[in-house]
Amino acid sequence: MSTATISTKGQLVIPRRFRKALHLQTGDEVAFSLEGEKLILQRDEPPRARLVEKNGCKVLVAPPGAPPMTPEVVKRILADVTDAYLVEMARAHGLRLATLDDELCKKPGAVGTAENPL
Protein backbone atom coordinates (compact mmCIF):
# COMPACT_ATOMS: atom_id res chain seq x y z
CA MET A 1 0.00 0.00 0.00
CA SER A 2 1.30 3.47 -0.87
CA THR A 3 0.74 6.53 1.29
CA ALA A 4 0.74 10.26 0.61
CA THR A 5 0.54 13.35 2.82
CA ILE A 6 -2.17 15.94 2.26
CA SER A 7 -0.75 19.46 1.95
CA THR A 8 -2.10 22.54 3.74
CA LYS A 9 -4.03 23.30 0.53
CA GLY A 10 -5.70 19.88 0.61
CA GLN A 11 -3.53 18.55 -2.24
CA LEU A 12 -1.79 15.22 -2.47
CA VAL A 13 0.56 13.65 -5.00
CA ILE A 14 -0.69 10.52 -6.73
CA PRO A 15 2.23 8.07 -6.73
CA ARG A 16 3.81 7.55 -10.14
CA ARG A 17 2.88 3.86 -10.43
CA PHE A 18 -0.80 4.74 -10.02
CA ARG A 19 -0.59 7.63 -12.51
CA LYS A 20 1.03 5.27 -15.02
CA ALA A 21 -1.54 2.52 -14.38
CA LEU A 22 -4.38 4.99 -15.06
CA HIS A 23 -2.49 6.75 -17.88
CA LEU A 24 -2.90 10.07 -16.06
CA GLN A 25 -1.07 13.12 -17.35
CA THR A 26 -0.86 16.74 -16.25
CA GLY A 27 -4.22 18.41 -16.81
CA ASP A 28 -6.27 15.18 -16.85
CA GLU A 29 -9.44 15.23 -14.79
CA VAL A 30 -10.23 12.55 -12.24
CA ALA A 31 -13.46 11.62 -10.49
CA PHE A 32 -13.76 10.89 -6.77
CA SER A 33 -16.36 8.80 -4.99
CA LEU A 34 -16.77 7.28 -1.55
CA GLU A 35 -17.41 3.61 -0.86
CA GLY A 36 -17.81 3.28 2.88
CA GLU A 37 -14.51 4.50 4.38
CA LYS A 38 -12.65 4.33 1.05
CA LEU A 39 -11.98 7.21 -1.34
CA ILE A 40 -12.13 5.97 -4.94
CA LEU A 41 -10.25 7.88 -7.64
CA GLN A 42 -10.70 7.08 -11.33
CA ARG A 43 -10.13 8.68 -14.70
CA ASP A 44 -12.95 11.03 -15.57
CA GLU A 45 -13.85 9.61 -18.96
CA PRO A 46 -16.13 11.59 -21.24
CA PRO A 47 -19.36 9.81 -22.16
CA ARG A 48 -18.82 7.39 -25.03
CA ALA A 49 -21.03 6.20 -27.84
CA ARG A 50 -22.96 2.98 -27.21
CA LEU A 51 -23.83 0.17 -29.59
CA VAL A 52 -27.51 -0.76 -29.23
CA GLU A 53 -29.90 -2.91 -31.21
CA LYS A 54 -32.93 -1.26 -32.81
CA ASN A 55 -35.37 -3.19 -34.98
CA GLY A 56 -32.84 -6.01 -35.39
CA CYS A 57 -30.03 -3.67 -36.51
CA LYS A 58 -27.00 -2.56 -34.51
CA VAL A 59 -26.93 1.23 -34.15
CA LEU A 60 -24.23 3.45 -32.66
CA VAL A 61 -25.86 5.97 -30.28
CA ALA A 62 -23.88 9.13 -29.57
CA PRO A 63 -23.61 10.44 -26.00
CA PRO A 64 -25.53 13.56 -24.97
CA GLY A 65 -23.95 16.75 -26.30
CA ALA A 66 -22.10 15.03 -29.15
CA PRO A 67 -22.14 16.80 -32.51
CA PRO A 68 -24.60 15.40 -35.06
CA MET A 69 -23.31 12.57 -37.23
CA THR A 70 -24.37 13.49 -40.73
CA PRO A 71 -23.56 11.24 -43.71
CA GLU A 72 -20.89 13.78 -44.74
CA VAL A 73 -19.20 13.60 -41.31
CA VAL A 74 -19.27 9.78 -41.38
CA LYS A 75 -17.73 9.73 -44.88
CA ARG A 76 -14.97 12.12 -43.76
CA ILE A 77 -14.19 10.02 -40.68
CA LEU A 78 -14.08 6.82 -42.73
CA ALA A 79 -11.82 8.48 -45.31
CA ASP A 80 -9.44 9.67 -42.55
CA VAL A 81 -9.32 6.19 -41.00
CA THR A 82 -8.78 4.57 -44.40
CA ASP A 83 -5.98 7.02 -45.24
CA ALA A 84 -4.27 6.41 -41.89
CA TYR A 85 -4.57 2.62 -42.38
CA LEU A 86 -3.07 2.82 -45.89
CA VAL A 87 -0.14 4.92 -44.67
CA GLU A 88 0.53 2.49 -41.80
CA MET A 89 0.39 -0.54 -44.11
CA ALA A 90 2.68 1.14 -46.65
CA ARG A 91 5.22 1.92 -43.92
CA ALA A 92 5.01 -1.62 -42.56
CA HIS A 93 5.84 -3.00 -46.02
CA GLY A 94 8.49 -0.42 -46.88
CA LEU A 95 6.36 1.29 -49.52
CA ARG A 96 6.05 4.99 -50.23
CA LEU A 97 2.61 6.40 -50.94
CA ALA A 98 2.27 9.17 -53.48
CA THR A 99 0.29 12.30 -52.66
CA LEU A 100 -1.61 14.43 -55.14
CA ASP A 101 1.28 16.92 -55.16
CA ASP A 102 3.87 14.18 -55.57
CA GLU A 103 5.76 13.71 -58.83
CA LEU A 104 4.83 10.02 -58.66
CA CYS A 105 1.23 10.91 -59.41
CA LYS A 106 2.32 12.40 -62.71
CA LYS A 107 3.91 9.09 -63.80
CA PRO A 108 1.16 6.55 -64.58
CA GLY A 109 1.85 3.15 -63.05
CA ALA A 110 4.93 4.32 -61.11
CA VAL A 111 5.46 2.75 -57.72
CA GLY A 112 8.38 3.39 -55.41
CA THR A 113 9.69 1.44 -52.44
CA ALA A 114 12.07 2.32 -49.64
CA GLU A 115 14.78 0.29 -51.38
CA ASN A 116 13.99 1.61 -54.88
CA PRO A 117 12.56 5.15 -54.65
CA LEU A 118 11.56 6.85 -57.84
C-alpha atoms as a PDB file:
ATOM      1  CA  MET A   1       0.000   0.000   0.000  1.00  0.00           C
ATOM      2  CA  SER A   2       1.296   3.470  -0.871  1.00  0.00           C
ATOM      3  CA  THR A   3       0.735   6.529   1.293  1.00  0.00           C
ATOM      4  CA  ALA A   4       0.744  10.258   0.608  1.00  0.00           C
ATOM      5  CA  THR A   5       0.537  13.347   2.824  1.00  0.00           C
ATOM      6  CA  ILE A   6      -2.175  15.936   2.261  1.00  0.00           C
ATOM      7  CA  SER A   7      -0.747  19.457   1.946  1.00  0.00           C
ATOM      8  CA  THR A   8      -2.096  22.541   3.736  1.00  0.00           C
ATOM      9  CA  LYS A   9      -4.031  23.300   0.530  1.00  0.00           C
ATOM     10  CA  GLY A  10      -5.701  19.880   0.611  1.00  0.00           C
ATOM     11  CA  GLN A  11      -3.532  18.554  -2.244  1.00  0.00           C
ATOM     12  CA  LEU A  12      -1.794  15.220  -2.469  1.00  0.00           C
ATOM     13  CA  VAL A  13       0.556  13.649  -4.996  1.00  0.00           C
ATOM     14  CA  ILE A  14      -0.695  10.518  -6.727  1.00  0.00           C
ATOM     15  CA  PRO A  15       2.229   8.071  -6.729  1.00  0.00           C
ATOM     16  CA  ARG A  16       3.813   7.549 -10.141  1.00  0.00           C
ATOM     17  CA  ARG A  17       2.879   3.857 -10.430  1.00  0.00           C
ATOM     18  CA  PHE A  18      -0.803   4.742 -10.018  1.00  0.00           C
ATOM     19  CA  ARG A  19      -0.586   7.627 -12.513  1.00  0.00           C
ATOM     20  CA  LYS A  20       1.030   5.268 -15.015  1.00  0.00           C
ATOM     21  CA  ALA A  21      -1.537   2.521 -14.385  1.00  0.00           C
ATOM     22  CA  LEU A  22      -4.384   4.985 -15.057  1.00  0.00           C
ATOM     23  CA  HIS A  23      -2.490   6.745 -17.884  1.00  0.00           C
ATOM     24  CA  LEU A  24      -2.896  10.071 -16.056  1.00  0.00           C
ATOM     25  CA  GLN A  25      -1.067  13.123 -17.345  1.00  0.00           C
ATOM     26  CA  THR A  26      -0.863  16.737 -16.246  1.00  0.00           C
ATOM     27  CA  GLY A  27      -4.221  18.415 -16.806  1.00  0.00           C
ATOM     28  CA  ASP A  28      -6.268  15.180 -16.847  1.00  0.00           C
ATOM     29  CA  GLU A  29      -9.445  15.231 -14.792  1.00  0.00           C
ATOM     30  CA  VAL A  30     -10.228  12.551 -12.245  1.00  0.00           C
ATOM     31  CA  ALA A  31     -13.459  11.617 -10.494  1.00  0.00           C
ATOM     32  CA  PHE A  32     -13.761  10.890  -6.770  1.00  0.00           C
ATOM     33  CA  SER A  33     -16.359   8.805  -4.987  1.00  0.00           C
ATOM     34  CA  LEU A  34     -16.765   7.279  -1.546  1.00  0.00           C
ATOM     35  CA  GLU A  35     -17.408   3.615  -0.856  1.00  0.00           C
ATOM     36  CA  GLY A  36     -17.809   3.279   2.884  1.00  0.00           C
ATOM     37  CA  GLU A  37     -14.510   4.505   4.385  1.00  0.00           C
ATOM     38  CA  LYS A  38     -12.652   4.332   1.047  1.00  0.00           C
ATOM     39  CA  LEU A  39     -11.980   7.206  -1.337  1.00  0.00           C
ATOM     40  CA  ILE A  40     -12.130   5.969  -4.938  1.00  0.00           C
ATOM     41  CA  LEU A  41     -10.247   7.885  -7.638  1.00  0.00           C
ATOM     42  CA  GLN A  42     -10.704   7.083 -11.327  1.00  0.00           C
ATOM     43  CA  ARG A  43     -10.128   8.680 -14.700  1.00  0.00           C
ATOM     44  CA  ASP A  44     -12.946  11.035 -15.569  1.00  0.00           C
ATOM     45  CA  GLU A  45     -13.851   9.611 -18.956  1.00  0.00           C
ATOM     46  CA  PRO A  46     -16.128  11.590 -21.244  1.00  0.00           C
ATOM     47  CA  PRO A  47     -19.359   9.805 -22.159  1.00  0.00           C
ATOM     48  CA  ARG A  48     -18.825   7.387 -25.031  1.00  0.00           C
ATOM     49  CA  ALA A  49     -21.025   6.201 -27.839  1.00  0.00           C
ATOM     50  CA  ARG A  50     -22.958   2.981 -27.213  1.00  0.00           C
ATOM     51  CA  LEU A  51     -23.826   0.166 -29.594  1.00  0.00           C
ATOM     52  CA  VAL A  52     -27.508  -0.756 -29.233  1.00  0.00           C
ATOM     53  CA  GLU A  53     -29.896  -2.914 -31.208  1.00  0.00           C
ATOM     54  CA  LYS A  54     -32.933  -1.258 -32.813  1.00  0.00           C
ATOM     55  CA  ASN A  55     -35.366  -3.189 -34.983  1.00  0.00           C
ATOM     56  CA  GLY A  56     -32.839  -6.013 -35.392  1.00  0.00           C
ATOM     57  CA  CYS A  57     -30.025  -3.667 -36.507  1.00  0.00           C
ATOM     58  CA  LYS A  58     -27.002  -2.562 -34.511  1.00  0.00           C
ATOM     59  CA  VAL A  59     -26.934   1.234 -34.151  1.00  0.00           C
ATOM     60  CA  LEU A  60     -24.232   3.454 -32.655  1.00  0.00           C
ATOM     61  CA  VAL A  61     -25.865   5.968 -30.283  1.00  0.00           C
ATOM     62  CA  ALA A  62     -23.879   9.134 -29.567  1.00  0.00           C
ATOM     63  CA  PRO A  63     -23.610  10.440 -25.998  1.00  0.00           C
ATOM     64  CA  PRO A  64     -25.533  13.563 -24.970  1.00  0.00           C
ATOM     65  CA  GLY A  65     -23.951  16.746 -26.303  1.00  0.00           C
ATOM     66  CA  ALA A  66     -22.096  15.027 -29.145  1.00  0.00           C
ATOM     67  CA  PRO A  67     -22.136  16.803 -32.513  1.00  0.00           C
ATOM     68  CA  PRO A  68     -24.601  15.403 -35.056  1.00  0.00           C
ATOM     69  CA  MET A  69     -23.306  12.572 -37.233  1.00  0.00           C
ATOM     70  CA  THR A  70     -24.372  13.488 -40.732  1.00  0.00           C
ATOM     71  CA  PRO A  71     -23.556  11.242 -43.711  1.00  0.00           C
ATOM     72  CA  GLU A  72     -20.886  13.776 -44.737  1.00  0.00           C
ATOM     73  CA  VAL A  73     -19.202  13.599 -41.308  1.00  0.00           C
ATOM     74  CA  VAL A  74     -19.266   9.781 -41.381  1.00  0.00           C
ATOM     75  CA  LYS A  75     -17.728   9.729 -44.879  1.00  0.00           C
ATOM     76  CA  ARG A  76     -14.967  12.121 -43.763  1.00  0.00           C
ATOM     77  CA  ILE A  77     -14.190  10.023 -40.678  1.00  0.00           C
ATOM     78  CA  LEU A  78     -14.077   6.822 -42.728  1.00  0.00           C
ATOM     79  CA  ALA A  79     -11.817   8.479 -45.310  1.00  0.00           C
ATOM     80  CA  ASP A  80      -9.435   9.671 -42.554  1.00  0.00           C
ATOM     81  CA  VAL A  81      -9.318   6.193 -40.999  1.00  0.00           C
ATOM     82  CA  THR A  82      -8.781   4.565 -44.397  1.00  0.00           C
ATOM     83  CA  ASP A  83      -5.980   7.019 -45.237  1.00  0.00           C
ATOM     84  CA  ALA A  84      -4.272   6.410 -41.890  1.00  0.00           C
ATOM     85  CA  TYR A  85      -4.569   2.620 -42.383  1.00  0.00           C
ATOM     86  CA  LEU A  86      -3.071   2.816 -45.889  1.00  0.00           C
ATOM     87  CA  VAL A  87      -0.144   4.918 -44.671  1.00  0.00           C
ATOM     88  CA  GLU A  88       0.527   2.492 -41.804  1.00  0.00           C
ATOM     89  CA  MET A  89       0.386  -0.543 -44.110  1.00  0.00           C
ATOM     90  CA  ALA A  90       2.676   1.140 -46.650  1.00  0.00           C
ATOM     91  CA  ARG A  91       5.222   1.922 -43.923  1.00  0.00           C
ATOM     92  CA  ALA A  92       5.010  -1.616 -42.564  1.00  0.00           C
ATOM     93  CA  HIS A  93       5.838  -2.999 -46.016  1.00  0.00           C
ATOM     94  CA  GLY A  94       8.487  -0.418 -46.881  1.00  0.00           C
ATOM     95  CA  LEU A  95       6.358   1.294 -49.521  1.00  0.00           C
ATOM     96  CA  ARG A  96       6.055   4.991 -50.229  1.00  0.00           C
ATOM     97  CA  LEU A  97       2.608   6.399 -50.935  1.00  0.00           C
ATOM     98  CA  ALA A  98       2.269   9.168 -53.477  1.00  0.00           C
ATOM     99  CA  THR A  99       0.285  12.303 -52.662  1.00  0.00           C
ATOM    100  CA  LEU A 100      -1.612  14.434 -55.144  1.00  0.00           C
ATOM    101  CA  ASP A 101       1.280  16.916 -55.161  1.00  0.00           C
ATOM    102  CA  ASP A 102       3.868  14.185 -55.571  1.00  0.00           C
ATOM    103  CA  GLU A 103       5.761  13.709 -58.828  1.00  0.00           C
ATOM    104  CA  LEU A 104       4.834  10.017 -58.665  1.00  0.00           C
ATOM    105  CA  CYS A 105       1.229  10.913 -59.408  1.00  0.00           C
ATOM    106  CA  LYS A 106       2.315  12.401 -62.707  1.00  0.00           C
ATOM    107  CA  LYS A 107       3.907   9.086 -63.798  1.00  0.00           C
ATOM    108  CA  PRO A 108       1.162   6.550 -64.580  1.00  0.00           C
ATOM    109  CA  GLY A 109       1.854   3.147 -63.054  1.00  0.00           C
ATOM    110  CA  ALA A 110       4.925   4.325 -61.110  1.00  0.00           C
ATOM    111  CA  VAL A 111       5.457   2.745 -57.717  1.00  0.00           C
ATOM    112  CA  GLY A 112       8.381   3.390 -55.410  1.00  0.00           C
ATOM    113  CA  THR A 113       9.689   1.441 -52.435  1.00  0.00           C
ATOM    114  CA  ALA A 114      12.071   2.325 -49.637  1.00  0.00           C
ATOM    115  CA  GLU A 115      14.784   0.292 -51.381  1.00  0.00           C
ATOM    116  CA  ASN A 116      13.987   1.611 -54.876  1.00  0.00           C
ATOM    117  CA  PRO A 117      12.556   5.149 -54.654  1.00  0.00           C
ATOM    118  CA  LEU A 118      11.558   6.854 -57.845  1.00  0.00           C
END
